[in-house]
């Protein structure tokens, strides 16, 4: 892709990045219980391989015991990013903000494949400035991970031919274990997309 042709997409990516990173350490103020749980446990998994209680490992692919059911893999996926950083709101939310920007780009690619460049640019721009997308991109919730992985799998299924569609399997695996609320979507999603 030539530079002139990629400038609109670069513009969209920069807008998405700015909206998700500006004052990330201040807005939203504070951190909720679930966000704190994911951040602290990601740090603990990075340092010890287990959660903050020392009794559960995300490698078990089971939900943490004696707690409200939660996803199994967000701690492990975020551990390399949160583990090496200091404790701050910016550091806690930065990986999620970057995944949100990648989601904007994935939405562009899906729309480009299905509808062409003009619709793809509009889709990417709307996704970049969409208040819900911006808000969730500025939080440390596991929802962002699952949505990203599901749409990445969709894109792979759209562009892959023959046996290469199996490349979507590891991504769907990550999507399934990234958010407890999207587990019921896996089978209908795969069936509908493959048709």
C-alpha atoms as a PDB file:
ATOM      1  CA  UNK A   1       0.000   0.000   0.000  1.00  0.00           C
ATOM      2  CA  UNK A   2       1.432   3.358  -1.004  1.00  0.00           C
ATOM      3  CA  UNK A   3       1.911   6.120   1.560  1.00  0.00           C
ATOM      4  CA  UNK A   4      -0.701   8.393  -0.037  1.00  0.00           C
ATOM      5  CA  UNK A   5      -3.269   5.587  -0.001  1.00  0.00           C
ATOM      6  CA  UNK A   6      -2.531   4.694   3.609  1.00  0.00           C
ATOM      7  CA  UNK A   7      -2.745   8.273   4.965  1.00  0.00           C
ATOM      8  CA  UNK A   8      -6.496   8.100   5.747  1.00  0.00           C
ATOM      9  CA  UNK A   9      -6.002   4.869   7.710  1.00  0.00           C
ATOM     10  CA  UNK A  10      -2.996   6.348   9.499  1.00  0.00           C
ATOM     11  CA  UNK A  11      -5.106   9.403  10.373  1.00  0.00           C
ATOM     12  CA  UNK A  12      -7.811   7.133  11.819  1.00  0.00           C
ATOM     13  CA  UNK A  13      -5.243   5.170  13.841  1.00  0.00           C
ATOM     14  CA  UNK A  14      -3.716   8.372  15.231  1.00  0.00           C
ATOM     15  CA  UNK A  15      -7.149   9.724  16.232  1.00  0.00           C
ATOM     16  CA  UNK A  16      -7.976   6.401  17.907  1.00  0.00           C
ATOM     17  CA  UNK A  17      -4.641   6.409  19.718  1.00  0.00           C
ATOM     18  CA  UNK A  18      -4.997  10.012  20.915  1.00  0.00           C
ATOM     19  CA  UNK A  19      -8.554   9.496  22.176  1.00  0.00           C
ATOM     20  CA  UNK A  20      -7.501   6.399  24.083  1.00  0.00           C
ATOM     21  CA  UNK A  21      -4.206   7.684  25.514  1.00  0.00           C
ATOM     22  CA  UNK A  22      -4.761  11.359  26.356  1.00  0.00           C
ATOM     23  CA  UNK A  23      -5.047  11.757  30.144  1.00  0.00           C
ATOM     24  CA  UNK A  24      -5.254   7.972  30.502  1.00  0.00           C
ATOM     25  CA  UNK A  25      -3.806   8.301  33.996  1.00  0.00           C
ATOM     26  CA  UNK A  26      -6.661  10.632  35.030  1.00  0.00           C
ATOM     27  CA  UNK A  27      -9.770   9.702  33.026  1.00  0.00           C
ATOM     28  CA  UNK A  28     -11.652   7.670  34.105  1.00  0.00           C
ATOM     29  CA  UNK A  29     -10.743   8.557  37.652  1.00  0.00           C
ATOM     30  CA  UNK A  30      -9.800   5.728  39.945  1.00  0.00           C
ATOM     31  CA  UNK A  31     -10.049   2.055  39.176  1.00  0.00           C
ATOM     32  CA  UNK A  32     -12.983  -0.308  39.733  1.00  0.00           C
ATOM     33  CA  UNK A  33     -12.873  -3.597  41.597  1.00  0.00           C
ATOM     34  CA  UNK A  34     -12.786  -5.780  38.485  1.00  0.00           C
ATOM     35  CA  UNK A  35     -10.113  -3.658  36.824  1.00  0.00           C
ATOM     36  CA  UNK A  36      -7.990  -3.763  39.959  1.00  0.00           C
ATOM     37  CA  UNK A  37      -8.459  -7.520  40.164  1.00  0.00           C
ATOM     38  CA  UNK A  38      -7.204  -8.001  36.603  1.00  0.00           C
ATOM     39  CA  UNK A  39      -4.244  -5.672  37.082  1.00  0.00           C
ATOM     40  CA  UNK A  40      -3.116  -7.089  40.445  1.00  0.00           C
ATOM     41  CA  UNK A  41      -3.545 -10.675  39.325  1.00  0.00           C
ATOM     42  CA  UNK A  42      -1.703 -10.012  36.040  1.00  0.00           C
ATOM     43  CA  UNK A  43       1.188  -8.601  38.076  1.00  0.00           C
ATOM     44  CA  UNK A  44       1.068 -11.613  40.424  1.00  0.00           C
ATOM     45  CA  UNK A  45       0.967 -14.058  37.488  1.00  0.00           C
ATOM     46  CA  UNK A  46       3.981 -12.300  35.966  1.00  0.00           C
ATOM     47  CA  UNK A  47       5.949 -12.533  39.222  1.00  0.00           C
ATOM     48  CA  UNK A  48       4.817 -15.917  40.564  1.00  0.00           C
ATOM     49  CA  UNK A  49       2.742 -17.748  37.936  1.00  0.00           C
ATOM     50  CA  UNK A  50      -0.251 -17.698  40.305  1.00  0.00           C
ATOM     51  CA  UNK A  51      -2.920 -15.213  41.374  1.00  0.00           C
ATOM     52  CA  UNK A  52      -2.555 -12.894  44.377  1.00  0.00           C
ATOM     53  CA  UNK A  53      -3.807 -15.615  46.733  1.00  0.00           C
ATOM     54  CA  UNK A  54      -1.181 -18.042  45.447  1.00  0.00           C
ATOM     55  CA  UNK A  55      -3.780 -20.790  45.030  1.00  0.00           C
ATOM     56  CA  UNK A  56      -4.853 -20.495  41.390  1.00  0.00           C
ATOM     57  CA  UNK A  57      -3.004 -20.466  38.095  1.00  0.00           C
ATOM     58  CA  UNK A  58      -4.450 -19.258  34.774  1.00  0.00           C
ATOM     59  CA  UNK A  59      -2.677 -22.196  33.123  1.00  0.00           C
ATOM     60  CA  UNK A  60      -5.362 -24.431  34.679  1.00  0.00           C
ATOM     61  CA  UNK A  61      -7.967 -22.874  32.311  1.00  0.00           C
ATOM     62  CA  UNK A  62     -10.488 -22.881  35.129  1.00  0.00           C
ATOM     63  CA  UNK A  63     -12.104 -19.872  36.751  1.00  0.00           C
ATOM     64  CA  UNK A  64     -10.528 -18.632  39.986  1.00  0.00           C
ATOM     65  CA  UNK A  65     -12.005 -20.642  42.893  1.00  0.00           C
ATOM     66  CA  UNK A  66     -14.172 -19.132  45.605  1.00  0.00           C
ATOM     67  CA  UNK A  67     -14.883 -16.021  43.526  1.00  0.00           C
ATOM     68  CA  UNK A  68     -17.535 -14.761  41.175  1.00  0.00           C
ATOM     69  CA  UNK A  69     -16.831 -16.535  37.847  1.00  0.00           C
ATOM     70  CA  UNK A  70     -14.268 -14.671  35.767  1.00  0.00           C
ATOM     71  CA  UNK A  71     -12.387 -15.309  32.573  1.00  0.00           C
ATOM     72  CA  UNK A  72      -9.337 -17.506  32.730  1.00  0.00           C
ATOM     73  CA  UNK A  73      -6.769 -15.870  30.441  1.00  0.00           C
ATOM     74  CA  UNK A  74      -6.829 -12.051  30.796  1.00  0.00           C
ATOM     75  CA  UNK A  75      -4.348 -12.287  33.664  1.00  0.00           C
ATOM     76  CA  UNK A  76      -1.949 -14.355  31.578  1.00  0.00           C
ATOM     77  CA  UNK A  77      -2.361 -12.274  28.410  1.00  0.00           C
ATOM     78  CA  UNK A  78      -1.767  -9.008  30.263  1.00  0.00           C
ATOM     79  CA  UNK A  79       1.009 -10.323  32.535  1.00  0.00           C
ATOM     80  CA  UNK A  80       3.911  -9.439  30.174  1.00  0.00           C
ATOM     81  CA  UNK A  81       2.644  -5.866  29.789  1.00  0.00           C
ATOM     82  CA  UNK A  82       1.552  -5.137  33.348  1.00  0.00           C
ATOM     83  CA  UNK A  83       4.275  -7.231  34.961  1.00  0.00           C
ATOM     84  CA  UNK A  84       7.140  -5.113  33.670  1.00  0.00           C
ATOM     85  CA  UNK A  85       5.493  -1.772  34.416  1.00  0.00           C
ATOM     86  CA  UNK A  86       5.010   0.158  37.629  1.00  0.00           C
ATOM     87  CA  UNK A  87       1.680   0.445  39.410  1.00  0.00           C
ATOM     88  CA  UNK A  88      -0.158   3.408  37.893  1.00  0.00           C
ATOM     89  CA  UNK A  89      -3.474   3.984  36.188  1.00  0.00           C
ATOM     90  CA  UNK A  90      -1.657   4.699  32.923  1.00  0.00           C
ATOM     91  CA  UNK A  91       0.374   1.479  33.043  1.00  0.00           C
ATOM     92  CA  UNK A  92      -2.662  -0.574  34.064  1.00  0.00           C
ATOM     93  CA  UNK A  93      -4.764   0.666  31.165  1.00  0.00           C
ATOM     94  CA  UNK A  94      -2.165   1.111  28.434  1.00  0.00           C
ATOM     95  CA  UNK A  95      -2.293  -2.470  27.061  1.00  0.00           C
ATOM     96  CA  UNK A  96      -6.079  -2.303  26.843  1.00  0.00           C
ATOM     97  CA  UNK A  97      -5.936   1.072  25.089  1.00  0.00           C
ATOM     98  CA  UNK A  98      -3.513  -0.330  22.512  1.00  0.00           C
ATOM     99  CA  UNK A  99      -5.746  -3.366  21.952  1.00  0.00           C
ATOM    100  CA  UNK A 100      -8.646  -0.967  21.426  1.00  0.00           C
ATOM    101  CA  UNK A 101      -6.660   0.806  18.697  1.00  0.00           C
ATOM    102  CA  UNK A 102      -5.868  -2.560  17.095  1.00  0.00           C
ATOM    103  CA  UNK A 103      -9.595  -3.330  17.198  1.00  0.00           C
ATOM    104  CA  UNK A 104     -10.243  -0.165  15.183  1.00  0.00           C
ATOM    105  CA  UNK A 105      -7.770  -1.419  12.568  1.00  0.00           C
ATOM    106  CA  UNK A 106      -9.333  -4.889  12.536  1.00  0.00           C
ATOM    107  CA  UNK A 107     -12.761  -3.338  11.979  1.00  0.00           C
ATOM    108  CA  UNK A 108     -11.282  -1.399   9.052  1.00  0.00           C
ATOM    109  CA  UNK A 109      -9.825  -4.588   7.552  1.00  0.00           C
ATOM    110  CA  UNK A 110     -13.078  -6.527   7.940  1.00  0.00           C
ATOM    111  CA  UNK A 111     -15.075  -3.717   6.344  1.00  0.00           C
ATOM    112  CA  UNK A 112     -12.510  -3.388   3.562  1.00  0.00           C
ATOM    113  CA  UNK A 113     -12.809  -7.093   2.785  1.00  0.00           C
ATOM    114  CA  UNK A 114     -16.618  -7.060   2.841  1.00  0.00           C
ATOM    115  CA  UNK A 115     -17.576  -3.626   1.502  1.00  0.00           C
ATOM    116  CA  UNK A 116     -14.583  -1.829  -0.006  1.00  0.00           C
ATOM    117  CA  UNK A 117     -12.327   1.058   0.930  1.00  0.00           C
ATOM    118  CA  UNK A 118     -14.859   3.873   1.411  1.00  0.00           C
ATOM    119  CA  UNK A 119     -17.041   1.918   3.832  1.00  0.00           C
ATOM    120  CA  UNK A 120     -13.902   0.633   5.563  1.00  0.00           C
ATOM    121  CA  UNK A 121     -12.647   4.179   6.138  1.00  0.00           C
ATOM    122  CA  UNK A 122     -16.033   5.237   7.493  1.00  0.00           C
ATOM    123  CA  UNK A 123     -16.189   2.159   9.734  1.00  0.00           C
ATOM    124  CA  UNK A 124     -12.682   2.751  11.045  1.00  0.00           C
ATOM    125  CA  UNK A 125     -13.379   6.429  11.708  1.00  0.00           C
ATOM    126  CA  UNK A 126     -16.666   5.745  13.510  1.00  0.00           C
ATOM    127  CA  UNK A 127     -14.980   3.022  15.563  1.00  0.00           C
ATOM    128  CA  UNK A 128     -12.106   5.388  16.405  1.00  0.00           C
ATOM    129  CA  UNK A 129     -14.422   8.107  17.778  1.00  0.00           C
ATOM    130  CA  UNK A 130     -17.278   5.938  19.070  1.00  0.00           C
ATOM    131  CA  UNK A 131     -17.798   6.899  22.737  1.00  0.00           C
ATOM    132  CA  UNK A 132     -18.296   3.299  23.909  1.00  0.00           C
ATOM    133  CA  UNK A 133     -15.223   2.119  22.048  1.00  0.00           C
ATOM    134  CA  UNK A 134     -13.182   4.972  23.487  1.00  0.00           C
ATOM    135  CA  UNK A 135     -14.515   4.380  27.001  1.00  0.00           C
ATOM    136  CA  UNK A 136     -13.873   0.627  27.003  1.00  0.00           C
ATOM    137  CA  UNK A 137     -10.486   1.229  25.431  1.00  0.00           C
ATOM    138  CA  UNK A 138      -9.602   3.372  28.438  1.00  0.00           C
ATOM    139  CA  UNK A 139     -10.496   0.720  31.023  1.00  0.00           C
ATOM    140  CA  UNK A 140      -8.792  -2.488  32.122  1.00  0.00           C
ATOM    141  CA  UNK A 141     -11.801  -4.740  31.557  1.00  0.00           C
ATOM    142  CA  UNK A 142     -11.508  -8.160  29.962  1.00  0.00           C
ATOM    143  CA  UNK A 143     -14.305  -7.416  27.487  1.00  0.00           C
ATOM    144  CA  UNK A 144     -11.898  -5.575  25.209  1.00  0.00           C
ATOM    145  CA  UNK A 145      -9.696  -8.654  24.867  1.00  0.00           C
ATOM    146  CA  UNK A 146     -12.516 -10.992  23.895  1.00  0.00           C
ATOM    147  CA  UNK A 147     -14.024  -8.580  21.371  1.00  0.00           C
ATOM    148  CA  UNK A 148     -10.598  -8.060  19.788  1.00  0.00           C
ATOM    149  CA  UNK A 149      -9.945 -11.802  19.502  1.00  0.00           C
ATOM    150  CA  UNK A 150     -13.414 -12.553  18.089  1.00  0.00           C
ATOM    151  CA  UNK A 151     -13.045  -9.893  15.402  1.00  0.00           C
ATOM    152  CA  UNK A 152      -9.485 -10.964  14.635  1.00  0.00           C
ATOM    153  CA  UNK A 153     -10.759 -14.527  14.168  1.00  0.00           C
ATOM    154  CA  UNK A 154     -13.516 -13.202  11.911  1.00  0.00           C
ATOM    155  CA  UNK A 155     -10.957 -11.411   9.762  1.00  0.00           C
ATOM    156  CA  UNK A 156      -8.795 -14.528   9.522  1.00  0.00           C
ATOM    157  CA  UNK A 157     -11.829 -16.588   8.518  1.00  0.00           C
ATOM    158  CA  UNK A 158     -12.706 -13.998   5.853  1.00  0.00           C
ATOM    159  CA  UNK A 159      -9.284 -13.972   4.207  1.00  0.00           C
ATOM    160  CA  UNK A 160      -8.094 -17.549   4.756  1.00  0.00           C
ATOM    161  CA  UNK A 161      -8.553 -20.249   2.159  1.00  0.00           C
ATOM    162  CA  UNK A 162      -8.762 -24.034   2.572  1.00  0.00           C
ATOM    163  CA  UNK A 163      -6.858 -25.362   5.586  1.00  0.00           C
ATOM    164  CA  UNK A 164      -5.600 -21.893   6.515  1.00  0.00           C
ATOM    165  CA  UNK A 165      -8.932 -21.216   8.212  1.00  0.00           C
ATOM    166  CA  UNK A 166      -7.569 -23.377  11.017  1.00  0.00           C
ATOM    167  CA  UNK A 167      -5.299 -20.447  11.881  1.00  0.00           C
ATOM    168  CA  UNK A 168      -8.375 -18.871  13.453  1.00  0.00           C
ATOM    169  CA  UNK A 169      -8.588 -21.704  15.998  1.00  0.00           C
ATOM    170  CA  UNK A 170      -5.909 -20.389  18.418  1.00  0.00           C
ATOM    171  CA  UNK A 171      -7.477 -16.923  18.219  1.00  0.00           C
ATOM    172  CA  UNK A 172     -10.924 -18.356  18.970  1.00  0.00           C
ATOM    173  CA  UNK A 173      -9.381 -20.258  21.873  1.00  0.00           C
ATOM    174  CA  UNK A 174      -8.074 -16.966  23.274  1.00  0.00           C
ATOM    175  CA  UNK A 175     -11.454 -15.301  22.668  1.00  0.00           C
ATOM    176  CA  UNK A 176     -13.288 -18.087  24.483  1.00  0.00           C
ATOM    177  CA  UNK A 177     -11.108 -17.868  27.579  1.00  0.00           C
ATOM    178  CA  UNK A 178     -10.797 -14.063  27.616  1.00  0.00           C
ATOM    179  CA  UNK A 179     -14.255 -13.086  28.816  1.00  0.00           C
ATOM    180  CA  UNK A 180     -16.808 -15.177  30.662  1.00  0.00           C
ATOM    181  CA  UNK A 181     -19.739 -13.360  29.026  1.00  0.00           C
ATOM    182  CA  UNK A 182     -18.799 -14.319  25.458  1.00  0.00           C
ATOM    183  CA  UNK A 183     -18.413 -18.063  26.027  1.00  0.00           C
ATOM    184  CA  UNK A 184     -21.939 -18.714  24.783  1.00  0.00           C
ATOM    185  CA  UNK A 185     -21.106 -16.896  21.531  1.00  0.00           C
ATOM    186  CA  UNK A 186     -18.338 -19.202  20.338  1.00  0.00           C
ATOM    187  CA  UNK A 187     -20.347 -21.945  18.634  1.00  0.00           C
ATOM    188  CA  UNK A 188     -22.990 -19.672  17.036  1.00  0.00           C
ATOM    189  CA  UNK A 189     -20.230 -17.276  15.942  1.00  0.00           C
ATOM    190  CA  UNK A 190     -18.171 -20.011  14.278  1.00  0.00           C
ATOM    191  CA  UNK A 191     -21.196 -21.602  12.604  1.00  0.00           C
ATOM    192  CA  UNK A 192     -22.510 -18.305  11.200  1.00  0.00           C
ATOM    193  CA  UNK A 193     -19.109 -17.049  10.059  1.00  0.00           C
ATOM    194  CA  UNK A 194     -18.121 -20.287   8.343  1.00  0.00           C
ATOM    195  CA  UNK A 195     -21.316 -20.234   6.286  1.00  0.00           C
END
